[in-house]
Amino acid sequence: MSYSKLLAVLFASLLMGFLVTSCTEDGPTDPNSEKPAAPTNLMALSVNETTIHLKYDISSSEQNTLFQDYFLSYWVVGETANPMTMAVAKGVNPIAVTGLSEGKIYEFQLVARYTNNENSAASANVKWSPASRFEKTIYNEDINLFERASLFASGLQIYYGSEDGPRTRTTGNSADWDLGVMIDGSTVKFGSASQLGFNFNNQPQPTFMLTDHFLANAFNDVFDSRAMDDGDRNTKYTEHTVDLTNVTGNQNIIVYVRKYQPGKTRYNYAKIMIVRNPAGGFLYGTAPNRHIKLEISYQKVEDVPYAKTASN
């Protein structure tokens, strides 16, 4: 081969390599392999003993013309062989997941999907369990706790298993008290029965509240991604009270509670919401029957720290 032909072959090879590299680096992305960005910040709340709502931050790819929907997979923790699934249309947020079993912890996994059959490489995940919701006592009355001067009850038994619900208790049934209210002068103390200052003939069993409390407009506005005993929360349960007159703003207050049921050695968890009076403060009615109103989310199964937790 002559020297001039050799140069021509080398030049052609270099030119071909340049063209291939240019196409590889600068050419358009194959739409058949493009993946959407994942949703993030998946959070949950327990609506009742069979239903959970899930809320998430949407995928940044929702405006892409390839965007199809979201896909939710969920399973009982430790039982991953046959996950349950559902397609979630764009704009459905929160997601209602029904047909669940109280006391079982579920793991939820949410991905975004494109019409090219590609899913987001990452997913948003959360673990949660449904819990019972109570707005009435076992007597089918509002859950109201009254001031000490009233003939009505000042104490609360969060859950009475024989009749499947909460009941209010007078000082004559003090051994049943978990929580209560002491309305005295300018203070409205709510919390652990043993810390209220009543002179009980029979001491109530210990009931522990998280030292942090949370604010919300309604139970169904409250989402979280952490269990009620997660991390430092597990060390912050004590017997104490909260003076509701020190809670400012116009939202309801929510407290975390855990306690042993009689004869048990493992905690049941609950969330108690004290409902603010739209007229101001937390008291309803007039003396001597001033009272506070409560709603309860309660996990009937021991050692399942998911009732309805609130966001910090």
C-alpha atoms as a PDB file:
ATOM      1  CA  MET A   1       0.000   0.000   0.000  1.00  0.00           C
ATOM      2  CA  SER A   2       1.356   3.399  -0.952  1.00  0.00           C
ATOM      3  CA  TYR A   3       2.016   6.026   1.665  1.00  0.00           C
ATOM      4  CA  SER A   4      -0.794   8.271   0.320  1.00  0.00           C
ATOM      5  CA  LYS A   5      -3.329   5.420   0.473  1.00  0.00           C
ATOM      6  CA  LEU A   6      -2.299   4.615   4.038  1.00  0.00           C
ATOM      7  CA  LEU A   7      -2.893   8.228   5.058  1.00  0.00           C
ATOM      8  CA  ALA A   8      -6.300   8.152   3.393  1.00  0.00           C
ATOM      9  CA  VAL A   9      -7.315   4.999   5.309  1.00  0.00           C
ATOM     10  CA  LEU A  10      -6.161   6.467   8.629  1.00  0.00           C
ATOM     11  CA  PHE A  11      -8.051   9.725   7.992  1.00  0.00           C
ATOM     12  CA  ALA A  12     -11.239   7.832   7.141  1.00  0.00           C
ATOM     13  CA  SER A  13     -10.944   5.766  10.340  1.00  0.00           C
ATOM     14  CA  LEU A  14     -10.476   8.884  12.460  1.00  0.00           C
ATOM     15  CA  LEU A  15     -13.450  10.586  10.802  1.00  0.00           C
ATOM     16  CA  MET A  16     -15.692   7.579  11.415  1.00  0.00           C
ATOM     17  CA  GLY A  17     -14.652   7.448  15.090  1.00  0.00           C
ATOM     18  CA  PHE A  18     -15.429  11.162  15.489  1.00  0.00           C
ATOM     19  CA  LEU A  19     -18.883  10.746  13.948  1.00  0.00           C
ATOM     20  CA  VAL A  20     -19.745   7.751  16.166  1.00  0.00           C
ATOM     21  CA  THR A  21     -18.571   9.555  19.296  1.00  0.00           C
ATOM     22  CA  SER A  22     -20.536  12.685  18.376  1.00  0.00           C
ATOM     23  CA  CYS A  23     -23.712  10.728  17.855  1.00  0.00           C
ATOM     24  CA  THR A  24     -23.235   8.847  21.120  1.00  0.00           C
ATOM     25  CA  GLU A  25     -22.576  11.933  23.227  1.00  0.00           C
ATOM     26  CA  ASP A  26     -24.810  14.495  21.611  1.00  0.00           C
ATOM     27  CA  GLY A  27     -27.567  12.492  19.980  1.00  0.00           C
ATOM     28  CA  PRO A  28     -31.186  12.415  21.217  1.00  0.00           C
ATOM     29  CA  THR A  29     -32.222  10.139  24.114  1.00  0.00           C
ATOM     30  CA  ASP A  30     -34.065   7.018  23.061  1.00  0.00           C
ATOM     31  CA  PRO A  31     -37.691   7.658  24.192  1.00  0.00           C
ATOM     32  CA  ASN A  32     -38.163   3.916  24.616  1.00  0.00           C
ATOM     33  CA  SER A  33     -35.679   3.817  27.508  1.00  0.00           C
ATOM     34  CA  GLU A  34     -36.452   7.133  29.229  1.00  0.00           C
ATOM     35  CA  LYS A  35     -37.523   6.757  32.892  1.00  0.00           C
ATOM     36  CA  PRO A  36     -39.677   9.107  34.995  1.00  0.00           C
ATOM     37  CA  ALA A  37     -38.474  10.685  38.225  1.00  0.00           C
ATOM     38  CA  ALA A  38     -39.799   8.966  41.338  1.00  0.00           C
ATOM     39  CA  PRO A  39     -42.431  10.398  43.700  1.00  0.00           C
ATOM     40  CA  THR A  40     -41.054  11.269  47.131  1.00  0.00           C
ATOM     41  CA  ASN A  41     -42.023  11.808  50.774  1.00  0.00           C
ATOM     42  CA  LEU A  42     -44.657   9.073  51.044  1.00  0.00           C
ATOM     43  CA  MET A  43     -46.638   9.527  54.277  1.00  0.00           C
ATOM     44  CA  ALA A  44     -49.622   7.751  55.854  1.00  0.00           C
ATOM     45  CA  LEU A  45     -52.519   8.065  58.267  1.00  0.00           C
ATOM     46  CA  SER A  46     -54.937   5.532  59.741  1.00  0.00           C
ATOM     47  CA  VAL A  47     -58.497   6.378  58.739  1.00  0.00           C
ATOM     48  CA  ASN A  48     -60.028   3.379  60.506  1.00  0.00           C
ATOM     49  CA  GLU A  49     -59.290  -0.288  61.227  1.00  0.00           C
ATOM     50  CA  THR A  50     -59.313  -1.258  57.517  1.00  0.00           C
ATOM     51  CA  THR A  51     -58.279   1.905  55.636  1.00  0.00           C
ATOM     52  CA  ILE A  52     -55.101   3.937  55.276  1.00  0.00           C
ATOM     53  CA  HIS A  53     -54.568   7.137  53.315  1.00  0.00           C
ATOM     54  CA  LEU A  54     -51.213   7.785  51.616  1.00  0.00           C
ATOM     55  CA  LYS A  55     -49.940  11.231  50.623  1.00  0.00           C
ATOM     56  CA  TYR A  56     -46.870  11.922  48.483  1.00  0.00           C
ATOM     57  CA  ASP A  57     -44.911  14.608  46.674  1.00  0.00           C
ATOM     58  CA  ILE A  58     -45.575  14.181  42.959  1.00  0.00           C
ATOM     59  CA  SER A  59     -42.989  13.124  40.399  1.00  0.00           C
ATOM     60  CA  SER A  60     -41.192  16.002  38.706  1.00  0.00           C
ATOM     61  CA  SER A  61     -41.898  14.150  35.441  1.00  0.00           C
ATOM     62  CA  GLU A  62     -45.681  14.586  35.589  1.00  0.00           C
ATOM     63  CA  GLN A  63     -45.599  17.229  32.837  1.00  0.00           C
ATOM     64  CA  ASN A  64     -43.721  14.942  30.442  1.00  0.00           C
ATOM     65  CA  THR A  65     -45.920  13.707  27.593  1.00  0.00           C
ATOM     66  CA  LEU A  66     -44.792  10.156  28.369  1.00  0.00           C
ATOM     67  CA  PHE A  67     -46.174  10.294  31.917  1.00  0.00           C
ATOM     68  CA  GLN A  68     -48.851   7.636  32.490  1.00  0.00           C
ATOM     69  CA  ASP A  69     -49.631   7.196  36.201  1.00  0.00           C
ATOM     70  CA  TYR A  70     -48.311   5.873  39.506  1.00  0.00           C
ATOM     71  CA  PHE A  71     -48.170   2.257  40.607  1.00  0.00           C
ATOM     72  CA  LEU A  72     -48.587   1.216  44.231  1.00  0.00           C
ATOM     73  CA  SER A  73     -47.407  -2.112  45.617  1.00  0.00           C
ATOM     74  CA  TYR A  74     -47.976  -3.120  49.231  1.00  0.00           C
ATOM     75  CA  TRP A  75     -47.612  -6.177  51.400  1.00  0.00           C
ATOM     76  CA  VAL A  76     -47.652  -7.294  55.016  1.00  0.00           C
ATOM     77  CA  VAL A  77     -44.138  -6.850  56.375  1.00  0.00           C
ATOM     78  CA  GLY A  78     -42.351 -10.188  56.095  1.00  0.00           C
ATOM     79  CA  GLU A  79     -44.772 -11.505  53.452  1.00  0.00           C
ATOM     80  CA  THR A  80     -43.380 -10.180  50.177  1.00  0.00           C
ATOM     81  CA  ALA A  81     -44.254 -13.152  47.932  1.00  0.00           C
ATOM     82  CA  ASN A  82     -47.667 -11.915  46.771  1.00  0.00           C
ATOM     83  CA  PRO A  83     -47.850  -8.116  46.933  1.00  0.00           C
ATOM     84  CA  MET A  84     -51.126  -6.313  46.377  1.00  0.00           C
ATOM     85  CA  THR A  85     -51.065  -3.652  43.666  1.00  0.00           C
ATOM     86  CA  MET A  86     -53.090  -0.772  42.324  1.00  0.00           C
ATOM     87  CA  ALA A  87     -52.703   1.824  39.580  1.00  0.00           C
ATOM     88  CA  VAL A  88     -52.991   5.412  40.819  1.00  0.00           C
ATOM     89  CA  ALA A  89     -54.129   8.026  38.322  1.00  0.00           C
ATOM     90  CA  LYS A  90     -52.348  11.346  38.092  1.00  0.00           C
ATOM     91  CA  GLY A  91     -53.995  13.799  40.480  1.00  0.00           C
ATOM     92  CA  VAL A  92     -55.156  11.172  43.003  1.00  0.00           C
ATOM     93  CA  ASN A  93     -53.477  12.367  46.193  1.00  0.00           C
ATOM     94  CA  PRO A  94     -54.045  11.147  48.865  1.00  0.00           C
ATOM     95  CA  ILE A  95     -54.509   7.512  47.914  1.00  0.00           C
ATOM     96  CA  ALA A  96     -57.125   5.480  49.800  1.00  0.00           C
ATOM     97  CA  VAL A  97     -56.015   1.895  50.477  1.00  0.00           C
ATOM     98  CA  THR A  98     -58.851  -0.276  51.804  1.00  0.00           C
ATOM     99  CA  GLY A  99     -59.393  -3.887  52.850  1.00  0.00           C
ATOM    100  CA  LEU A 100     -56.492  -3.920  55.331  1.00  0.00           C
ATOM    101  CA  SER A 101     -56.284  -5.684  58.700  1.00  0.00           C
ATOM    102  CA  GLU A 102     -55.738  -3.828  61.967  1.00  0.00           C
ATOM    103  CA  GLY A 103     -52.621  -4.923  63.801  1.00  0.00           C
ATOM    104  CA  LYS A 104     -50.750  -5.915  60.649  1.00  0.00           C
ATOM    105  CA  ILE A 105     -47.930  -3.624  59.525  1.00  0.00           C
ATOM    106  CA  TYR A 106     -47.856  -2.992  55.787  1.00  0.00           C
ATOM    107  CA  GLU A 107     -45.066  -1.677  53.605  1.00  0.00           C
ATOM    108  CA  PHE A 108     -46.141   0.594  50.758  1.00  0.00           C
ATOM    109  CA  GLN A 109     -44.023   1.282  47.663  1.00  0.00           C
ATOM    110  CA  LEU A 110     -44.968   3.922  45.080  1.00  0.00           C
ATOM    111  CA  VAL A 111     -43.323   4.397  41.653  1.00  0.00           C
ATOM    112  CA  ALA A 112     -44.086   6.608  38.639  1.00  0.00           C
ATOM    113  CA  ARG A 113     -44.787   5.061  35.213  1.00  0.00           C
ATOM    114  CA  TYR A 114     -44.301   6.191  31.635  1.00  0.00           C
ATOM    115  CA  THR A 115     -46.261   4.956  28.624  1.00  0.00           C
ATOM    116  CA  ASN A 116     -43.040   3.362  27.300  1.00  0.00           C
ATOM    117  CA  ASN A 117     -43.392   0.733  30.084  1.00  0.00           C
ATOM    118  CA  GLU A 118     -40.559   2.280  32.080  1.00  0.00           C
ATOM    119  CA  ASN A 119     -40.924   2.855  35.833  1.00  0.00           C
ATOM    120  CA  SER A 120     -38.976   5.270  37.999  1.00  0.00           C
ATOM    121  CA  ALA A 121     -35.696   3.735  39.109  1.00  0.00           C
ATOM    122  CA  ALA A 122     -36.372   4.751  42.725  1.00  0.00           C
ATOM    123  CA  SER A 123     -39.562   4.522  44.780  1.00  0.00           C
ATOM    124  CA  ALA A 124     -41.215   6.248  47.735  1.00  0.00           C
ATOM    125  CA  ASN A 125     -41.777   3.917  50.696  1.00  0.00           C
ATOM    126  CA  VAL A 126     -43.511   3.930  54.079  1.00  0.00           C
ATOM    127  CA  LYS A 127     -44.617   1.367  56.683  1.00  0.00           C
ATOM    128  CA  TRP A 128     -47.991   1.746  58.403  1.00  0.00           C
ATOM    129  CA  SER A 129     -50.900  -0.057  60.048  1.00  0.00           C
ATOM    130  CA  PRO A 130     -54.623   0.795  60.184  1.00  0.00           C
ATOM    131  CA  ALA A 131     -56.172   1.643  63.574  1.00  0.00           C
ATOM    132  CA  SER A 132     -59.628   2.065  65.089  1.00  0.00           C
ATOM    133  CA  ARG A 133     -61.180   5.518  65.204  1.00  0.00           C
ATOM    134  CA  PHE A 134     -63.564   6.619  67.948  1.00  0.00           C
ATOM    135  CA  GLU A 135     -65.648   9.784  68.115  1.00  0.00           C
ATOM    136  CA  LYS A 136     -68.221   8.315  70.511  1.00  0.00           C
ATOM    137  CA  THR A 137     -68.037   6.416  73.781  1.00  0.00           C
ATOM    138  CA  ILE A 138     -69.452   2.932  74.258  1.00  0.00           C
ATOM    139  CA  TYR A 139     -72.605   4.755  75.422  1.00  0.00           C
ATOM    140  CA  ASN A 140     -72.858   6.414  71.963  1.00  0.00           C
ATOM    141  CA  GLU A 141     -72.142   9.830  73.461  1.00  0.00           C
ATOM    142  CA  ASP A 142     -69.533  12.406  72.495  1.00  0.00           C
ATOM    143  CA  ILE A 143     -66.223  11.826  74.266  1.00  0.00           C
ATOM    144  CA  ASN A 144     -66.443  14.719  76.734  1.00  0.00           C
ATOM    145  CA  LEU A 145     -64.467  15.160  79.961  1.00  0.00           C
ATOM    146  CA  PHE A 146     -65.963  17.540  82.528  1.00  0.00           C
ATOM    147  CA  GLU A 147     -64.584  19.769  85.244  1.00  0.00           C
ATOM    148  CA  ARG A 148     -64.289  18.431  88.788  1.00  0.00           C
ATOM    149  CA  ALA A 149     -67.334  20.388  90.032  1.00  0.00           C
ATOM    150  CA  SER A 150     -69.585  18.618  87.541  1.00  0.00           C
ATOM    151  CA  LEU A 151     -71.543  15.453  88.274  1.00  0.00           C
ATOM    152  CA  PHE A 152     -70.279  14.110  84.933  1.00  0.00           C
ATOM    153  CA  ALA A 153     -67.029  12.226  84.352  1.00  0.00           C
ATOM    154  CA  SER A 154     -63.578  13.820  84.298  1.00  0.00           C
ATOM    155  CA  GLY A 155     -61.636  10.661  83.410  1.00  0.00           C
ATOM    156  CA  LEU A 156     -61.133   8.626  80.250  1.00  0.00           C
ATOM    157  CA  GLN A 157     -60.572   4.929  79.768  1.00  0.00           C
ATOM    158  CA  ILE A 158     -59.106   4.974  76.264  1.00  0.00           C
ATOM    159  CA  TYR A 159     -60.319   1.507  75.333  1.00  0.00           C
ATOM    160  CA  TYR A 160     -62.666  -0.860  77.164  1.00  0.00           C
ATOM    161  CA  GLY A 161     -62.240  -4.227  75.488  1.00  0.00           C
ATOM    162  CA  SER A 162     -65.456  -5.809  76.720  1.00  0.00           C
ATOM    163  CA  GLU A 163     -67.507  -3.265  74.770  1.00  0.00           C
ATOM    164  CA  ASP A 164     -64.963  -2.315  72.086  1.00  0.00           C
ATOM    165  CA  GLY A 165     -64.564   1.393  72.682  1.00  0.00           C
ATOM    166  CA  PRO A 166     -63.675   4.217  75.054  1.00  0.00           C
ATOM    167  CA  ARG A 167     -65.650   5.139  78.134  1.00  0.00           C
ATOM    168  CA  THR A 168     -65.624   8.131  80.477  1.00  0.00           C
ATOM    169  CA  ARG A 169     -65.190   7.519  84.214  1.00  0.00           C
ATOM    170  CA  THR A 170     -65.954   9.382  87.438  1.00  0.00           C
ATOM    171  CA  THR A 171     -63.616   9.480  90.442  1.00  0.00           C
ATOM    172  CA  GLY A 172     -65.551   6.547  91.873  1.00  0.00           C
ATOM    173  CA  ASN A 173     -64.045   4.459  89.059  1.00  0.00           C
ATOM    174  CA  SER A 174     -60.578   5.953  89.328  1.00  0.00           C
ATOM    175  CA  ALA A 175     -58.790   2.629  88.815  1.00  0.00           C
ATOM    176  CA  ASP A 176     -60.095   2.690  85.206  1.00  0.00           C
ATOM    177  CA  TRP A 177     -58.704   6.132  84.384  1.00  0.00           C
ATOM    178  CA  ASP A 178     -55.988   6.442  81.754  1.00  0.00           C
ATOM    179  CA  LEU A 179     -56.243  10.169  81.062  1.00  0.00           C
ATOM    180  CA  GLY A 180     -58.324  12.997  82.437  1.00  0.00           C
ATOM    181  CA  VAL A 181     -58.866  16.710  82.775  1.00  0.00           C
ATOM    182  CA  MET A 182     -58.490  19.064  85.738  1.00  0.00           C
ATOM    183  CA  ILE A 183     -60.176  22.431  85.162  1.00  0.00           C
ATOM    184  CA  ASP A 184     -59.105  24.606  88.066  1.00  0.00           C
ATOM    185  CA  GLY A 185     -59.017  28.402  88.096  1.00  0.00           C
ATOM    186  CA  SER A 186     -57.136  29.606  85.046  1.00  0.00           C
ATOM    187  CA  THR A 187     -55.678  26.191  84.094  1.00  0.00           C
ATOM    188  CA  VAL A 188     -57.050  23.359  81.995  1.00  0.00           C
ATOM    189  CA  LYS A 189     -54.738  20.409  82.591  1.00  0.00           C
ATOM    190  CA  PHE A 190     -55.108  17.344  80.378  1.00  0.00           C
ATOM    191  CA  GLY A 191     -52.990  14.244  80.642  1.00  0.00           C
ATOM    192  CA  SER A 192     -51.937  11.225  82.663  1.00  0.00           C
ATOM    193  CA  ALA A 193     -54.545  10.524  85.334  1.00  0.00           C
ATOM    194  CA  SER A 194     -51.935  10.080  88.064  1.00  0.00           C
ATOM    195  CA  GLN A 195     -50.617  13.617  87.471  1.00  0.00           C
ATOM    196  CA  LEU A 196     -53.875  15.591  87.622  1.00  0.00           C
ATOM    197  CA  GLY A 197     -54.040  16.157  91.377  1.00  0.00           C
ATOM    198  CA  PHE A 198     -57.222  14.220  92.173  1.00  0.00           C
ATOM    199  CA  ASN A 199     -57.437  12.411  95.522  1.00  0.00           C
ATOM    200  CA  PHE A 200     -58.164   8.928  94.237  1.00  0.00           C
ATOM    201  CA  ASN A 201     -59.209   6.066  96.504  1.00  0.00           C
ATOM    202  CA  ASN A 202     -57.835   3.661  93.878  1.00  0.00           C
ATOM    203  CA  GLN A 203     -54.831   4.782  91.897  1.00  0.00           C
ATOM    204  CA  PRO A 204     -55.111   4.595  88.098  1.00  0.00           C
ATOM    205  CA  GLN A 205     -52.660   2.569  86.049  1.00  0.00           C
ATOM    206  CA  PRO A 206     -49.701   4.401  84.484  1.00  0.00           C
ATOM    207  CA  THR A 207     -50.414   6.032  81.144  1.00  0.00           C
ATOM    208  CA  PHE A 208     -47.561   7.683  79.266  1.00  0.00           C
ATOM    209  CA  MET A 209     -47.743  10.636  76.860  1.00  0.00           C
ATOM    210  CA  LEU A 210     -45.078  11.814  74.457  1.00  0.00           C
ATOM    211  CA  THR A 211     -43.527  15.039  75.734  1.00  0.00           C
ATOM    212  CA  ASP A 212     -44.072  16.616  72.292  1.00  0.00           C
ATOM    213  CA  HIS A 213     -47.550  17.460  71.091  1.00  0.00           C
ATOM    214  CA  PHE A 214     -48.795  18.396  67.644  1.00  0.00           C
ATOM    215  CA  LEU A 215     -51.384  20.682  66.047  1.00  0.00           C
ATOM    216  CA  ALA A 216     -53.839  19.946  63.227  1.00  0.00           C
ATOM    217  CA  ASN A 217     -57.181  21.078  61.864  1.00  0.00           C
ATOM    218  CA  ALA A 218     -58.562  17.519  61.818  1.00  0.00           C
ATOM    219  CA  PHE A 219     -57.427  13.919  62.236  1.00  0.00           C
ATOM    220  CA  ASN A 220     -57.646  13.346  58.492  1.00  0.00           C
ATOM    221  CA  ASP A 221     -55.173  16.179  57.870  1.00  0.00           C
ATOM    222  CA  VAL A 222     -52.457  14.404  59.839  1.00  0.00           C
ATOM    223  CA  PHE A 223     -49.859  12.369  57.930  1.00  0.00           C
ATOM    224  CA  ASP A 224     -46.511  10.973  59.017  1.00  0.00           C
ATOM    225  CA  SER A 225     -43.802   8.578  57.916  1.00  0.00           C
ATOM    226  CA  ARG A 226     -42.478   7.644  61.381  1.00  0.00           C
ATOM    227  CA  ALA A 227     -43.767   5.105  63.871  1.00  0.00           C
ATOM    228  CA  MET A 228     -44.935   6.403  67.242  1.00  0.00           C
ATOM    229  CA  ASP A 229     -41.864   4.877  68.939  1.00  0.00           C
ATOM    230  CA  ASP A 230     -39.387   5.738  66.194  1.00  0.00           C
ATOM    231  CA  GLY A 231     -35.935   6.962  67.235  1.00  0.00           C
ATOM    232  CA  ASP A 232     -35.913   9.505  70.052  1.00  0.00           C
ATOM    233  CA  ARG A 233     -39.704   9.307  70.356  1.00  0.00           C
ATOM    234  CA  ASN A 234     -39.293   6.020  72.227  1.00  0.00           C
ATOM    235  CA  THR A 235     -37.444   7.780  75.070  1.00  0.00           C
ATOM    236  CA  LYS A 236     -39.853  10.711  75.423  1.00  0.00           C
ATOM    237  CA  TYR A 237     -42.942   9.076  76.927  1.00  0.00           C
ATOM    238  CA  THR A 238     -43.640  10.134  80.513  1.00  0.00           C
ATOM    239  CA  GLU A 239     -46.564  10.572  82.859  1.00  0.00           C
ATOM    240  CA  HIS A 240     -47.379  14.275  82.638  1.00  0.00           C
ATOM    241  CA  THR A 241     -50.056  16.825  81.768  1.00  0.00           C
ATOM    242  CA  VAL A 242     -50.454  19.665  79.275  1.00  0.00           C
ATOM    243  CA  ASP A 243     -52.033  22.989  80.242  1.00  0.00           C
ATOM    244  CA  LEU A 244     -54.343  23.610  77.295  1.00  0.00           C
ATOM    245  CA  THR A 245     -54.533  27.329  78.069  1.00  0.00           C
ATOM    246  CA  ASN A 246     -50.916  27.585  76.903  1.00  0.00           C
ATOM    247  CA  VAL A 247     -51.696  26.121  73.462  1.00  0.00           C
ATOM    248  CA  THR A 248     -52.080  29.093  71.142  1.00  0.00           C
ATOM    249  CA  GLY A 249     -53.505  29.375  67.628  1.00  0.00           C
ATOM    250  CA  ASN A 250     -56.744  27.951  66.275  1.00  0.00           C
ATOM    251  CA  GLN A 251     -55.893  24.292  65.691  1.00  0.00           C
ATOM    252  CA  ASN A 252     -56.655  21.139  67.629  1.00  0.00           C
ATOM    253  CA  ILE A 253     -53.956  19.560  69.792  1.00  0.00           C
ATOM    254  CA  ILE A 254     -52.922  15.934  69.301  1.00  0.00           C
ATOM    255  CA  VAL A 255     -51.002  13.845  71.823  1.00  0.00           C
ATOM    256  CA  TYR A 256     -49.359  10.432  71.510  1.00  0.00           C
ATOM    257  CA  VAL A 257     -50.204   7.940  74.244  1.00  0.00           C
ATOM    258  CA  ARG A 258     -49.087   4.459  75.166  1.00  0.00           C
ATOM    259  CA  LYS A 259     -50.036   2.200  78.050  1.00  0.00           C
ATOM    260  CA  TYR A 260     -50.223  -1.396  79.187  1.00  0.00           C
ATOM    261  CA  GLN A 261     -53.686  -2.857  79.336  1.00  0.00           C
ATOM    262  CA  PRO A 262     -54.360  -4.590  82.690  1.00  0.00           C
ATOM    263  CA  GLY A 263     -52.279  -7.731  83.040  1.00  0.00           C
ATOM    264  CA  LYS A 264     -50.275  -7.010  79.875  1.00  0.00           C
ATOM    265  CA  THR A 265     -46.574  -6.245  79.438  1.00  0.00           C
ATOM    266  CA  ARG A 266     -46.605  -4.710  75.953  1.00  0.00           C
ATOM    267  CA  TYR A 267     -47.833  -1.279  74.964  1.00  0.00           C
ATOM    268  CA  ASN A 268     -50.948  -0.320  73.074  1.00  0.00           C
ATOM    269  CA  TYR A 269     -50.637   2.990  71.243  1.00  0.00           C
ATOM    270  CA  ALA A 270     -53.220   5.727  70.754  1.00  0.00           C
ATOM    271  CA  LYS A 271     -53.572   9.198  69.394  1.00  0.00           C
ATOM    272  CA  ILE A 272     -55.856  11.608  71.240  1.00  0.00           C
ATOM    273  CA  MET A 273     -57.119  14.815  69.648  1.00  0.00           C
ATOM    274  CA  ILE A 274     -58.483  17.554  71.916  1.00  0.00           C
ATOM    275  CA  VAL A 275     -60.916  19.518  69.758  1.00  0.00           C
ATOM    276  CA  ARG A 276     -60.618  23.286  69.927  1.00  0.00           C
ATOM    277  CA  ASN A 277     -63.795  25.303  70.452  1.00  0.00           C
ATOM    278  CA  PRO A 278     -64.365  27.450  67.325  1.00  0.00           C
ATOM    279  CA  ALA A 279     -65.235  30.300  69.694  1.00  0.00           C
ATOM    280  CA  GLY A 280     -61.745  30.106  71.221  1.00  0.00           C
ATOM    281  CA  GLY A 281     -59.849  27.913  73.668  1.00  0.00           C
ATOM    282  CA  PHE A 282     -60.640  24.274  74.382  1.00  0.00           C
ATOM    283  CA  LEU A 283     -63.516  24.560  76.853  1.00  0.00           C
ATOM    284  CA  TYR A 284     -67.154  24.013  75.930  1.00  0.00           C
ATOM    285  CA  GLY A 285     -70.214  24.740  78.063  1.00  0.00           C
ATOM    286  CA  THR A 286     -70.596  26.798  81.229  1.00  0.00           C
ATOM    287  CA  ALA A 287     -69.752  26.157  84.881  1.00  0.00           C
ATOM    288  CA  PRO A 288     -70.194  23.748  86.562  1.00  0.00           C
ATOM    289  CA  ASN A 289     -70.286  21.648  83.378  1.00  0.00           C
ATOM    290  CA  ARG A 290     -67.389  23.021  81.391  1.00  0.00           C
ATOM    291  CA  HIS A 291     -65.744  20.260  79.409  1.00  0.00           C
ATOM    292  CA  ILE A 292     -63.316  19.310  76.654  1.00  0.00           C
ATOM    293  CA  LYS A 293     -64.089  17.200  73.560  1.00  0.00           C
ATOM    294  CA  LEU A 294     -61.923  14.331  72.339  1.00  0.00           C
ATOM    295  CA  GLU A 295     -61.443  12.054  69.335  1.00  0.00           C
ATOM    296  CA  ILE A 296     -59.362   8.877  69.517  1.00  0.00           C
ATOM    297  CA  SER A 297     -57.329   6.719  67.147  1.00  0.00           C
ATOM    298  CA  TYR A 298     -56.417   3.483  68.920  1.00  0.00           C
ATOM    299  CA  GLN A 299     -54.321   0.474  67.932  1.00  0.00           C
ATOM    300  CA  LYS A 300     -55.940  -2.596  69.507  1.00  0.00           C
ATOM    301  CA  VAL A 301     -52.962  -4.864  68.837  1.00  0.00           C
ATOM    302  CA  GLU A 302     -50.009  -4.654  71.212  1.00  0.00           C
ATOM    303  CA  ASP A 303     -46.598  -3.484  70.007  1.00  0.00           C
ATOM    304  CA  VAL A 304     -47.937  -1.957  66.776  1.00  0.00           C
ATOM    305  CA  PRO A 305     -46.869   1.717  67.081  1.00  0.00           C
ATOM    306  CA  TYR A 306     -49.093   3.076  64.315  1.00  0.00           C
ATOM    307  CA  ALA A 307     -52.319   4.796  65.307  1.00  0.00           C
ATOM    308  CA  LYS A 308     -52.321   8.210  63.693  1.00  0.00           C
ATOM    309  CA  THR A 309     -49.121  10.119  64.025  1.00  0.00           C
ATOM    310  CA  ALA A 310     -48.674  13.759  63.297  1.00  0.00           C
ATOM    311  CA  SER A 311     -46.071  15.632  61.325  1.00  0.00           C
ATOM    312  CA  ASN A 312     -43.532  17.734  63.154  1.00  0.00           C
END
